[in-house]
């Protein structure tokens, strides 16, 4: 196979801080004509203030590719582990996780 026909691999660096990941249990998505902004938020039980832990800004084309990739991966996950149960859509954003009311 000639050098021109070989697919070049993508060399991706993942440093230790990023590799640890960020926990998020809520995402809020906004968009403009040129960008999609995804804020990943961490909500804690009994705490009324949540913090944005990470923000990712995507082009519309990349947002659509991400949507397709998520859809494909969710389908594969559900084939292996069963259906992912969704929250009741009428409940809105889960402000209280159902734990005890904080006293402090």
PDB file of N, CA and C in Angstrom:
ATOM      1  N   UNK A   1       0.854  -1.183   0.000  1.00  0.00           N
ATOM      2  CA  UNK A   1       0.000   0.000   0.000  1.00  0.00           C
ATOM      3  C   UNK A   1       0.892   1.235   0.000  1.00  0.00           C
ATOM      4  N   UNK A   2       0.577   2.157  -0.848  1.00  0.00           N
ATOM      5  CA  UNK A   2       1.401   3.353  -0.939  1.00  0.00           C
ATOM      6  C   UNK A   2       1.148   4.272   0.249  1.00  0.00           C
ATOM      7  N   UNK A   3       2.063   5.165   0.473  1.00  0.00           N
ATOM      8  CA  UNK A   3       1.970   6.133   1.581  1.00  0.00           C
ATOM      9  C   UNK A   3       0.722   6.993   1.446  1.00  0.00           C
ATOM     10  N   UNK A   4       0.302   7.308   0.212  1.00  0.00           N
ATOM     11  CA  UNK A   4      -0.862   8.159  -0.020  1.00  0.00           C
ATOM     12  C   UNK A   4      -2.160   7.471   0.394  1.00  0.00           C
ATOM     13  N   UNK A   5      -2.209   6.141   0.340  1.00  0.00           N
ATOM     14  CA  UNK A   5      -3.432   5.409   0.644  1.00  0.00           C
ATOM     15  C   UNK A   5      -3.584   5.060   2.124  1.00  0.00           C
ATOM     16  N   UNK A   6      -2.542   5.225   2.894  1.00  0.00           N
ATOM     17  CA  UNK A   6      -2.622   4.903   4.326  1.00  0.00           C
ATOM     18  C   UNK A   6      -3.383   5.992   5.061  1.00  0.00           C
ATOM     19  N   UNK A   7      -4.245   5.558   5.981  1.00  0.00           N
ATOM     20  CA  UNK A   7      -4.925   6.540   6.830  1.00  0.00           C
ATOM     21  C   UNK A   7      -4.003   6.872   7.987  1.00  0.00           C
ATOM     22  N   UNK A   8      -3.838   8.147   8.200  1.00  0.00           N
ATOM     23  CA  UNK A   8      -3.001   8.565   9.307  1.00  0.00           C
ATOM     24  C   UNK A   8      -3.807   8.552  10.588  1.00  0.00           C
ATOM     25  N   UNK A   9      -3.212   8.037  11.664  1.00  0.00           N
ATOM     26  CA  UNK A   9      -3.882   8.026  12.952  1.00  0.00           C
ATOM     27  C   UNK A   9      -3.828   9.406  13.579  1.00  0.00           C
ATOM     28  N   UNK A  10      -4.741   9.647  14.466  1.00  0.00           N
ATOM     29  CA  UNK A  10      -4.792  10.911  15.179  1.00  0.00           C
ATOM     30  C   UNK A  10      -4.125  10.715  16.528  1.00  0.00           C
ATOM     31  N   UNK A  11      -3.106  11.494  16.803  1.00  0.00           N
ATOM     32  CA  UNK A  11      -2.388  11.400  18.060  1.00  0.00           C
ATOM     33  C   UNK A  11      -3.049  12.355  19.056  1.00  0.00           C
ATOM     34  N   UNK A  12      -3.713  11.810  20.062  1.00  0.00           N
ATOM     35  CA  UNK A  12      -4.445  12.621  21.033  1.00  0.00           C
ATOM     36  C   UNK A  12      -3.754  12.513  22.386  1.00  0.00           C
ATOM     37  N   UNK A  13      -3.464  13.657  22.961  1.00  0.00           N
ATOM     38  CA  UNK A  13      -2.841  13.694  24.281  1.00  0.00           C
ATOM     39  C   UNK A  13      -3.920  13.929  25.332  1.00  0.00           C
ATOM     40  N   UNK A  14      -3.863  13.160  26.415  1.00  0.00           N
ATOM     41  CA  UNK A  14      -4.822  13.285  27.514  1.00  0.00           C
ATOM     42  C   UNK A  14      -4.031  13.432  28.805  1.00  0.00           C
ATOM     43  N   UNK A  15      -3.998  14.678  29.340  1.00  0.00           N
ATOM     44  CA  UNK A  15      -3.225  14.869  30.563  1.00  0.00           C
ATOM     45  C   UNK A  15      -4.003  14.351  31.769  1.00  0.00           C
ATOM     46  N   UNK A  16      -3.327  14.189  32.902  1.00  0.00           N
ATOM     47  CA  UNK A  16      -3.920  13.555  34.078  1.00  0.00           C
ATOM     48  C   UNK A  16      -5.134  14.313  34.619  1.00  0.00           C
ATOM     49  N   UNK A  17      -5.088  15.638  34.633  1.00  0.00           N
ATOM     50  CA  UNK A  17      -6.213  16.420  35.152  1.00  0.00           C
ATOM     51  C   UNK A  17      -7.474  16.194  34.321  1.00  0.00           C
ATOM     52  N   UNK A  18      -7.338  16.185  33.027  1.00  0.00           N
ATOM     53  CA  UNK A  18      -8.491  15.972  32.148  1.00  0.00           C
ATOM     54  C   UNK A  18      -8.953  14.518  32.218  1.00  0.00           C
ATOM     55  N   UNK A  19      -8.020  13.587  32.342  1.00  0.00           N
ATOM     56  CA  UNK A  19      -8.357  12.161  32.384  1.00  0.00           C
ATOM     57  C   UNK A  19      -9.224  11.808  33.589  1.00  0.00           C
ATOM     58  N   UNK A  20      -9.114  12.565  34.663  1.00  0.00           N
ATOM     59  CA  UNK A  20      -9.944  12.304  35.843  1.00  0.00           C
ATOM     60  C   UNK A  20     -11.416  12.548  35.552  1.00  0.00           C
ATOM     61  N   UNK A  21     -11.707  13.417  34.612  1.00  0.00           N
ATOM     62  CA  UNK A  21     -13.083  13.700  34.251  1.00  0.00           C
ATOM     63  C   UNK A  21     -13.758  14.640  35.238  1.00  0.00           C
ATOM     64  N   UNK A  22     -14.956  15.054  34.887  1.00  0.00           N
ATOM     65  CA  UNK A  22     -15.764  15.941  35.716  1.00  0.00           C
ATOM     66  C   UNK A  22     -17.144  15.319  35.792  1.00  0.00           C
ATOM     67  N   UNK A  23     -17.672  15.134  36.997  1.00  0.00           N
ATOM     68  CA  UNK A  23     -19.007  14.573  37.160  1.00  0.00           C
ATOM     69  C   UNK A  23     -20.051  15.632  36.848  1.00  0.00           C
ATOM     70  N   UNK A  24     -21.045  15.251  36.071  1.00  0.00           N
ATOM     71  CA  UNK A  24     -22.143  16.152  35.727  1.00  0.00           C
ATOM     72  C   UNK A  24     -23.440  15.363  35.746  1.00  0.00           C
ATOM     73  N   UNK A  25     -24.471  15.928  36.368  1.00  0.00           N
ATOM     74  CA  UNK A  25     -25.773  15.278  36.347  1.00  0.00           C
ATOM     75  C   UNK A  25     -26.841  16.186  35.732  1.00  0.00           C
ATOM     76  N   UNK A  26     -26.392  17.233  35.050  1.00  0.00           N
ATOM     77  CA  UNK A  26     -27.288  18.125  34.326  1.00  0.00           C
ATOM     78  C   UNK A  26     -26.490  18.823  33.235  1.00  0.00           C
ATOM     79  N   UNK A  27     -27.093  18.948  32.068  1.00  0.00           N
ATOM     80  CA  UNK A  27     -26.472  19.708  30.982  1.00  0.00           C
ATOM     81  C   UNK A  27     -27.498  20.696  30.450  1.00  0.00           C
ATOM     82  N   UNK A  28     -27.050  21.905  30.210  1.00  0.00           N
ATOM     83  CA  UNK A  28     -27.893  22.944  29.621  1.00  0.00           C
ATOM     84  C   UNK A  28     -27.254  23.353  28.304  1.00  0.00           C
ATOM     85  N   UNK A  29     -28.079  23.380  27.255  1.00  0.00           N
ATOM     86  CA  UNK A  29     -27.559  23.664  25.918  1.00  0.00           C
ATOM     87  C   UNK A  29     -28.201  24.936  25.383  1.00  0.00           C
ATOM     88  N   UNK A  30     -27.369  25.843  24.909  1.00  0.00           N
ATOM     89  CA  UNK A  30     -27.810  27.063  24.239  1.00  0.00           C
ATOM     90  C   UNK A  30     -27.135  27.106  22.878  1.00  0.00           C
ATOM     91  N   UNK A  31     -27.684  27.915  21.974  1.00  0.00           N
ATOM     92  CA  UNK A  31     -27.056  28.004  20.654  1.00  0.00           C
ATOM     93  C   UNK A  31     -27.257  29.384  20.051  1.00  0.00           C
ATOM     94  N   UNK A  32     -26.355  29.698  19.151  1.00  0.00           N
ATOM     95  CA  UNK A  32     -26.434  30.896  18.319  1.00  0.00           C
ATOM     96  C   UNK A  32     -26.366  30.400  16.879  1.00  0.00           C
ATOM     97  N   UNK A  33     -26.417  31.281  15.904  1.00  0.00           N
ATOM     98  CA  UNK A  33     -26.287  30.816  14.518  1.00  0.00           C
ATOM     99  C   UNK A  33     -24.953  30.115  14.231  1.00  0.00           C
ATOM    100  N   UNK A  34     -23.922  30.400  15.025  1.00  0.00           N
ATOM    101  CA  UNK A  34     -22.613  29.828  14.724  1.00  0.00           C
ATOM    102  C   UNK A  34     -22.087  28.826  15.744  1.00  0.00           C
ATOM    103  N   UNK A  35     -22.706  28.715  16.921  1.00  0.00           N
ATOM    104  CA  UNK A  35     -22.158  27.855  17.976  1.00  0.00           C
ATOM    105  C   UNK A  35     -23.253  27.181  18.790  1.00  0.00           C
ATOM    106  N   UNK A  36     -22.911  26.019  19.339  1.00  0.00           N
ATOM    107  CA  UNK A  36     -23.685  25.375  20.389  1.00  0.00           C
ATOM    108  C   UNK A  36     -22.836  25.436  21.652  1.00  0.00           C
ATOM    109  N   UNK A  37     -23.439  25.831  22.758  1.00  0.00           N
ATOM    110  CA  UNK A  37     -22.726  25.918  24.038  1.00  0.00           C
ATOM    111  C   UNK A  37     -23.385  24.919  24.978  1.00  0.00           C
ATOM    112  N   UNK A  38     -22.584  23.967  25.465  1.00  0.00           N
ATOM    113  CA  UNK A  38     -23.080  22.950  26.388  1.00  0.00           C
ATOM    114  C   UNK A  38     -22.412  23.179  27.739  1.00  0.00           C
ATOM    115  N   UNK A  39     -23.223  23.525  28.734  1.00  0.00           N
ATOM    116  CA  UNK A  39     -22.730  23.677  30.103  1.00  0.00           C
ATOM    117  C   UNK A  39     -23.050  22.406  30.869  1.00  0.00           C
ATOM    118  N   UNK A  40     -22.013  21.769  31.411  1.00  0.00           N
ATOM    119  CA  UNK A  40     -22.167  20.574  32.228  1.00  0.00           C
ATOM    120  C   UNK A  40     -22.158  21.018  33.687  1.00  0.00           C
ATOM    121  N   UNK A  41     -23.221  20.674  34.395  1.00  0.00           N
ATOM    122  CA  UNK A  41     -23.476  21.191  35.736  1.00  0.00           C
ATOM    123  C   UNK A  41     -23.508  20.047  36.730  1.00  0.00           C
ATOM    124  N   UNK A  42     -23.049  20.330  37.941  1.00  0.00           N
ATOM    125  CA  UNK A  42     -23.109  19.367  39.033  1.00  0.00           C
ATOM    126  C   UNK A  42     -24.070  19.897  40.084  1.00  0.00           C
ATOM    127  N   UNK A  43     -25.160  19.152  40.280  1.00  0.00           N
ATOM    128  CA  UNK A  43     -26.138  19.503  41.315  1.00  0.00           C
ATOM    129  C   UNK A  43     -25.973  18.526  42.473  1.00  0.00           C
ATOM    130  N   UNK A  44     -26.026  19.034  43.682  1.00  0.00           N
ATOM    131  CA  UNK A  44     -25.900  18.177  44.853  1.00  0.00           C
ATOM    132  C   UNK A  44     -27.216  18.173  45.624  1.00  0.00           C
ATOM    133  N   UNK A  45     -27.553  17.055  46.252  1.00  0.00           N
ATOM    134  CA  UNK A  45     -28.813  16.964  47.002  1.00  0.00           C
ATOM    135  C   UNK A  45     -28.916  18.044  48.076  1.00  0.00           C
ATOM    136  N   UNK A  46     -30.066  18.690  48.128  1.00  0.00           N
ATOM    137  CA  UNK A  46     -30.330  19.685  49.166  1.00  0.00           C
ATOM    138  C   UNK A  46     -29.646  21.021  48.974  1.00  0.00           C
ATOM    139  N   UNK A  47     -28.863  21.184  47.933  1.00  0.00           N
ATOM    140  CA  UNK A  47     -28.158  22.432  47.692  1.00  0.00           C
ATOM    141  C   UNK A  47     -28.869  23.154  46.549  1.00  0.00           C
ATOM    142  N   UNK A  48     -29.310  24.374  46.793  1.00  0.00           N
ATOM    143  CA  UNK A  48     -30.081  25.096  45.791  1.00  0.00           C
ATOM    144  C   UNK A  48     -29.219  25.742  44.711  1.00  0.00           C
ATOM    145  N   UNK A  49     -27.931  25.889  44.962  1.00  0.00           N
ATOM    146  CA  UNK A  49     -27.043  26.505  43.982  1.00  0.00           C
ATOM    147  C   UNK A  49     -26.190  25.415  43.332  1.00  0.00           C
ATOM    148  N   UNK A  50     -26.231  25.371  42.009  1.00  0.00           N
ATOM    149  CA  UNK A  50     -25.435  24.400  41.261  1.00  0.00           C
ATOM    150  C   UNK A  50     -24.316  25.137  40.534  1.00  0.00           C
ATOM    151  N   UNK A  51     -23.241  24.408  40.235  1.00  0.00           N
ATOM    152  CA  UNK A  51     -22.095  25.022  39.570  1.00  0.00           C
ATOM    153  C   UNK A  51     -21.866  24.401  38.205  1.00  0.00           C
ATOM    154  N   UNK A  52     -21.550  25.263  37.235  1.00  0.00           N
ATOM    155  CA  UNK A  52     -21.100  24.778  35.938  1.00  0.00           C
ATOM    156  C   UNK A  52     -19.680  24.256  36.149  1.00  0.00           C
ATOM    157  N   UNK A  53     -19.488  22.979  35.821  1.00  0.00           N
ATOM    158  CA  UNK A  53     -18.175  22.354  36.010  1.00  0.00           C
ATOM    159  C   UNK A  53     -17.347  22.355  34.735  1.00  0.00           C
ATOM    160  N   UNK A  54     -18.039  22.443  33.595  1.00  0.00           N
ATOM    161  CA  UNK A  54     -17.320  22.448  32.329  1.00  0.00           C
ATOM    162  C   UNK A  54     -18.228  23.047  31.262  1.00  0.00           C
ATOM    163  N   UNK A  55     -17.633  23.759  30.329  1.00  0.00           N
ATOM    164  CA  UNK A  55     -18.371  24.327  29.196  1.00  0.00           C
ATOM    165  C   UNK A  55     -17.666  23.866  27.928  1.00  0.00           C
ATOM    166  N   UNK A  56     -18.464  23.350  26.995  1.00  0.00           N
ATOM    167  CA  UNK A  56     -17.935  22.920  25.703  1.00  0.00           C
ATOM    168  C   UNK A  56     -18.669  23.704  24.626  1.00  0.00           C
ATOM    169  N   UNK A  57     -17.919  24.311  23.723  1.00  0.00           N
ATOM    170  CA  UNK A  57     -18.484  25.101  22.633  1.00  0.00           C
ATOM    171  C   UNK A  57     -18.201  24.357  21.330  1.00  0.00           C
ATOM    172  N   UNK A  58     -19.261  24.121  20.551  1.00  0.00           N
ATOM    173  CA  UNK A  58     -19.170  23.317  19.340  1.00  0.00           C
ATOM    174  C   UNK A  58     -19.727  24.076  18.132  1.00  0.00           C
ATOM    175  N   UNK A  59     -19.223  23.762  16.958  1.00  0.00           N
ATOM    176  CA  UNK A  59     -19.861  24.255  15.739  1.00  0.00           C
ATOM    177  C   UNK A  59     -21.162  23.467  15.559  1.00  0.00           C
ATOM    178  N   UNK A  60     -22.121  24.000  14.814  1.00  0.00           N
ATOM    179  CA  UNK A  60     -23.347  23.233  14.566  1.00  0.00           C
ATOM    180  C   UNK A  60     -23.074  21.866  13.927  1.00  0.00           C
ATOM    181  N   UNK A  61     -22.104  21.800  13.022  1.00  0.00           N
ATOM    182  CA  UNK A  61     -21.777  20.536  12.370  1.00  0.00           C
ATOM    183  C   UNK A  61     -21.234  19.522  13.384  1.00  0.00           C
ATOM    184  N   UNK A  62     -20.367  19.983  14.267  1.00  0.00           N
ATOM    185  CA  UNK A  62     -19.806  19.071  15.263  1.00  0.00           C
ATOM    186  C   UNK A  62     -20.872  18.664  16.278  1.00  0.00           C
ATOM    187  N   UNK A  63     -21.772  19.576  16.639  1.00  0.00           N
ATOM    188  CA  UNK A  63     -22.864  19.239  17.557  1.00  0.00           C
ATOM    189  C   UNK A  63     -23.722  18.123  16.963  1.00  0.00           C
ATOM    190  N   UNK A  64     -23.984  18.184  15.673  1.00  0.00           N
ATOM    191  CA  UNK A  64     -24.784  17.149  15.022  1.00  0.00           C
ATOM    192  C   UNK A  64     -24.045  15.816  14.994  1.00  0.00           C
ATOM    193  N   UNK A  65     -22.736  15.858  14.742  1.00  0.00           N
ATOM    194  CA  UNK A  65     -21.941  14.621  14.778  1.00  0.00           C
ATOM    195  C   UNK A  65     -21.928  14.029  16.179  1.00  0.00           C
ATOM    196  N   UNK A  66     -21.831  14.894  17.201  1.00  0.00           N
ATOM    197  CA  UNK A  66     -21.858  14.427  18.585  1.00  0.00           C
ATOM    198  C   UNK A  66     -23.202  13.778  18.898  1.00  0.00           C
ATOM    199  N   UNK A  67     -24.300  14.395  18.448  1.00  0.00           N
ATOM    200  CA  UNK A  67     -25.623  13.835  18.670  1.00  0.00           C
ATOM    201  C   UNK A  67     -25.720  12.431  18.069  1.00  0.00           C
ATOM    202  N   UNK A  68     -25.228  12.270  16.841  1.00  0.00           N
ATOM    203  CA  UNK A  68     -25.273  10.963  16.184  1.00  0.00           C
ATOM    204  C   UNK A  68     -24.418   9.942  16.932  1.00  0.00           C
ATOM    205  N   UNK A  69     -23.248  10.361  17.392  1.00  0.00           N
ATOM    206  CA  UNK A  69     -22.361   9.454  18.130  1.00  0.00           C
ATOM    207  C   UNK A  69     -22.988   9.046  19.461  1.00  0.00           C
ATOM    208  N   UNK A  70     -23.619   9.998  20.158  1.00  0.00           N
ATOM    209  CA  UNK A  70     -24.297   9.674  21.416  1.00  0.00           C
ATOM    210  C   UNK A  70     -25.451   8.702  21.172  1.00  0.00           C
ATOM    211  N   UNK A  71     -26.234   8.963  20.136  1.00  0.00           N
ATOM    212  CA  UNK A  71     -27.366   8.098  19.808  1.00  0.00           C
ATOM    213  C   UNK A  71     -26.878   6.673  19.540  1.00  0.00           C
ATOM    214  N   UNK A  72     -25.806   6.539  18.770  1.00  0.00           N
ATOM    215  CA  UNK A  72     -25.246   5.230  18.455  1.00  0.00           C
ATOM    216  C   UNK A  72     -24.738   4.537  19.719  1.00  0.00           C
ATOM    217  N   UNK A  73     -24.025   5.271  20.570  1.00  0.00           N
ATOM    218  CA  UNK A  73     -23.474   4.670  21.784  1.00  0.00           C
ATOM    219  C   UNK A  73     -24.558   4.319  22.797  1.00  0.00           C
ATOM    220  N   UNK A  74     -25.607   5.128  22.899  1.00  0.00           N
ATOM    221  CA  UNK A  74     -26.716   4.806  23.801  1.00  0.00           C
ATOM    222  C   UNK A  74     -27.412   3.536  23.322  1.00  0.00           C
ATOM    223  N   UNK A  75     -27.597   3.395  22.025  1.00  0.00           N
ATOM    224  CA  UNK A  75     -28.205   2.191  21.471  1.00  0.00           C
ATOM    225  C   UNK A  75     -27.372   0.955  21.806  1.00  0.00           C
ATOM    226  N   UNK A  76     -26.063   1.056  21.641  1.00  0.00           N
ATOM    227  CA  UNK A  76     -25.164  -0.066  21.960  1.00  0.00           C
ATOM    228  C   UNK A  76     -25.213  -0.384  23.454  1.00  0.00           C
ATOM    229  N   UNK A  77     -25.229   0.648  24.297  1.00  0.00           N
ATOM    230  CA  UNK A  77     -25.290   0.462  25.750  1.00  0.00           C
ATOM    231  C   UNK A  77     -26.579  -0.271  26.129  1.00  0.00           C
ATOM    232  N   UNK A  78     -27.715   0.195  25.573  1.00  0.00           N
ATOM    233  CA  UNK A  78     -29.006  -0.407  25.918  1.00  0.00           C
ATOM    234  C   UNK A  78     -29.112  -1.841  25.406  1.00  0.00           C
ATOM    235  N   UNK A  79     -28.480  -2.153  24.292  1.00  0.00           N
ATOM    236  CA  UNK A  79     -28.464  -3.533  23.812  1.00  0.00           C
ATOM    237  C   UNK A  79     -27.730  -4.450  24.779  1.00  0.00           C
ATOM    238  N   UNK A  80     -26.708  -3.927  25.438  1.00  0.00           N
ATOM    239  CA  UNK A  80     -25.925  -4.725  26.388  1.00  0.00           C
ATOM    240  C   UNK A  80     -26.530  -4.741  27.783  1.00  0.00           C
ATOM    241  N   UNK A  81     -27.092  -3.597  28.231  1.00  0.00           N
ATOM    242  CA  UNK A  81     -27.471  -3.446  29.638  1.00  0.00           C
ATOM    243  C   UNK A  81     -28.957  -3.207  29.877  1.00  0.00           C
ATOM    244  N   UNK A  82     -29.741  -3.109  28.839  1.00  0.00           N
ATOM    245  CA  UNK A  82     -31.164  -2.828  28.990  1.00  0.00           C
ATOM    246  C   UNK A  82     -31.442  -1.337  28.853  1.00  0.00           C
ATOM    247  N   UNK A  83     -32.734  -1.041  28.751  1.00  0.00           N
ATOM    248  CA  UNK A  83     -33.166   0.333  28.516  1.00  0.00           C
ATOM    249  C   UNK A  83     -32.782   1.268  29.657  1.00  0.00           C
ATOM    250  N   UNK A  84     -32.307   2.429  29.306  1.00  0.00           N
ATOM    251  CA  UNK A  84     -32.022   3.488  30.280  1.00  0.00           C
ATOM    252  C   UNK A  84     -33.351   4.160  30.585  1.00  0.00           C
ATOM    253  N   UNK A  85     -33.745   4.160  31.840  1.00  0.00           N
ATOM    254  CA  UNK A  85     -35.007   4.783  32.237  1.00  0.00           C
ATOM    255  C   UNK A  85     -34.834   6.289  32.302  1.00  0.00           C
ATOM    256  N   UNK A  86     -35.744   7.013  31.679  1.00  0.00           N
ATOM    257  CA  UNK A  86     -35.698   8.469  31.669  1.00  0.00           C
ATOM    258  C   UNK A  86     -36.517   8.998  32.835  1.00  0.00           C
ATOM    259  N   UNK A  87     -36.147  10.187  33.314  1.00  0.00           N
ATOM    260  CA  UNK A  87     -36.945  10.846  34.336  1.00  0.00           C
ATOM    261  C   UNK A  87     -38.267  11.269  33.731  1.00  0.00           C
ATOM    262  N   UNK A  88     -39.274  11.425  34.564  1.00  0.00           N
ATOM    263  CA  UNK A  88     -40.563  11.933  34.106  1.00  0.00           C
ATOM    264  C   UNK A  88     -40.354  13.331  33.549  1.00  0.00           C
ATOM    265  N   UNK A  89     -40.624  13.547  32.248  1.00  0.00           N
ATOM    266  CA  UNK A  89     -40.355  14.861  31.651  1.00  0.00           C
ATOM    267  C   UNK A  89     -41.149  15.996  32.300  1.00  0.00           C
ATOM    268  N   UNK A  90     -42.272  15.685  32.930  1.00  0.00           N
ATOM    269  CA  UNK A  90     -43.065  16.743  33.557  1.00  0.00           C
ATOM    270  C   UNK A  90     -42.464  17.222  34.870  1.00  0.00           C
ATOM    271  N   UNK A  91     -41.479  16.457  35.390  1.00  0.00           N
ATOM    272  CA  UNK A  91     -40.885  16.844  36.671  1.00  0.00           C
ATOM    273  C   UNK A  91     -39.881  17.982  36.544  1.00  0.00           C
ATOM    274  N   UNK A  92     -39.413  18.270  35.332  1.00  0.00           N
ATOM    275  CA  UNK A  92     -38.465  19.366  35.128  1.00  0.00           C
ATOM    276  C   UNK A  92     -37.096  19.039  35.686  1.00  0.00           C
ATOM    277  N   UNK A  93     -36.353  20.078  36.052  1.00  0.00           N
ATOM    278  CA  UNK A  93     -35.008  19.908  36.594  1.00  0.00           C
ATOM    279  C   UNK A  93     -35.119  19.401  38.032  1.00  0.00           C
ATOM    280  N   UNK A  94     -34.432  18.309  38.367  1.00  0.00           N
ATOM    281  CA  UNK A  94     -34.524  17.761  39.721  1.00  0.00           C
ATOM    282  C   UNK A  94     -33.751  18.619  40.726  1.00  0.00           C
ATOM    283  N   UNK A  95     -34.421  19.596  41.332  1.00  0.00           N
ATOM    284  CA  UNK A  95     -33.753  20.482  42.282  1.00  0.00           C
ATOM    285  C   UNK A  95     -33.443  19.751  43.584  1.00  0.00           C
ATOM    286  N   UNK A  96     -34.370  18.974  44.079  1.00  0.00           N
ATOM    287  CA  UNK A  96     -34.155  18.210  45.303  1.00  0.00           C
ATOM    288  C   UNK A  96     -34.088  16.738  44.929  1.00  0.00           C
ATOM    289  N   UNK A  97     -33.037  16.057  45.341  1.00  0.00           N
ATOM    290  CA  UNK A  97     -32.849  14.666  44.962  1.00  0.00           C
ATOM    291  C   UNK A  97     -33.675  13.726  45.818  1.00  0.00           C
ATOM    292  N   UNK A  98     -34.494  14.254  46.733  1.00  0.00           N
ATOM    293  CA  UNK A  98     -35.321  13.401  47.558  1.00  0.00           C
ATOM    294  C   UNK A  98     -34.679  12.989  48.863  1.00  0.00           C
ATOM    295  N   UNK A  99     -33.514  13.509  49.164  1.00  0.00           N
ATOM    296  CA  UNK A  99     -32.850  13.193  50.416  1.00  0.00           C
ATOM    297  C   UNK A  99     -33.414  14.018  51.549  1.00  0.00           C
ATOM    298  N   UNK A 100     -32.844  13.886  52.722  1.00  0.00           N
ATOM    299  CA  UNK A 100     -33.341  14.655  53.868  1.00  0.00           C
ATOM    300  C   UNK A 100     -33.122  16.148  53.665  1.00  0.00           C
ATOM    301  N   UNK A 101     -33.984  16.942  54.263  1.00  0.00           N
ATOM    302  CA  UNK A 101     -33.841  18.400  54.191  1.00  0.00           C
ATOM    303  C   UNK A 101     -32.644  18.819  55.025  1.00  0.00           C
ATOM    304  N   UNK A 102     -31.736  19.598  54.443  1.00  0.00           N
ATOM    305  CA  UNK A 102     -30.544  20.005  55.208  1.00  0.00           C
ATOM    306  C   UNK A 102     -30.926  20.916  56.357  1.00  0.00           C
ATOM    307  N   UNK A 103     -30.233  20.766  57.466  1.00  0.00           N
ATOM    308  CA  UNK A 103     -30.506  21.562  58.651  1.00  0.00           C
ATOM    309  C   UNK A 103     -29.531  22.711  58.821  1.00  0.00           C
ATOM    310  N   UNK A 104     -28.367  22.595  58.207  1.00  0.00           N
ATOM    311  CA  UNK A 104     -27.349  23.637  58.398  1.00  0.00           C
ATOM    312  C   UNK A 104     -27.379  24.630  57.287  1.00  0.00           C
TER     313      UNK A 104
END
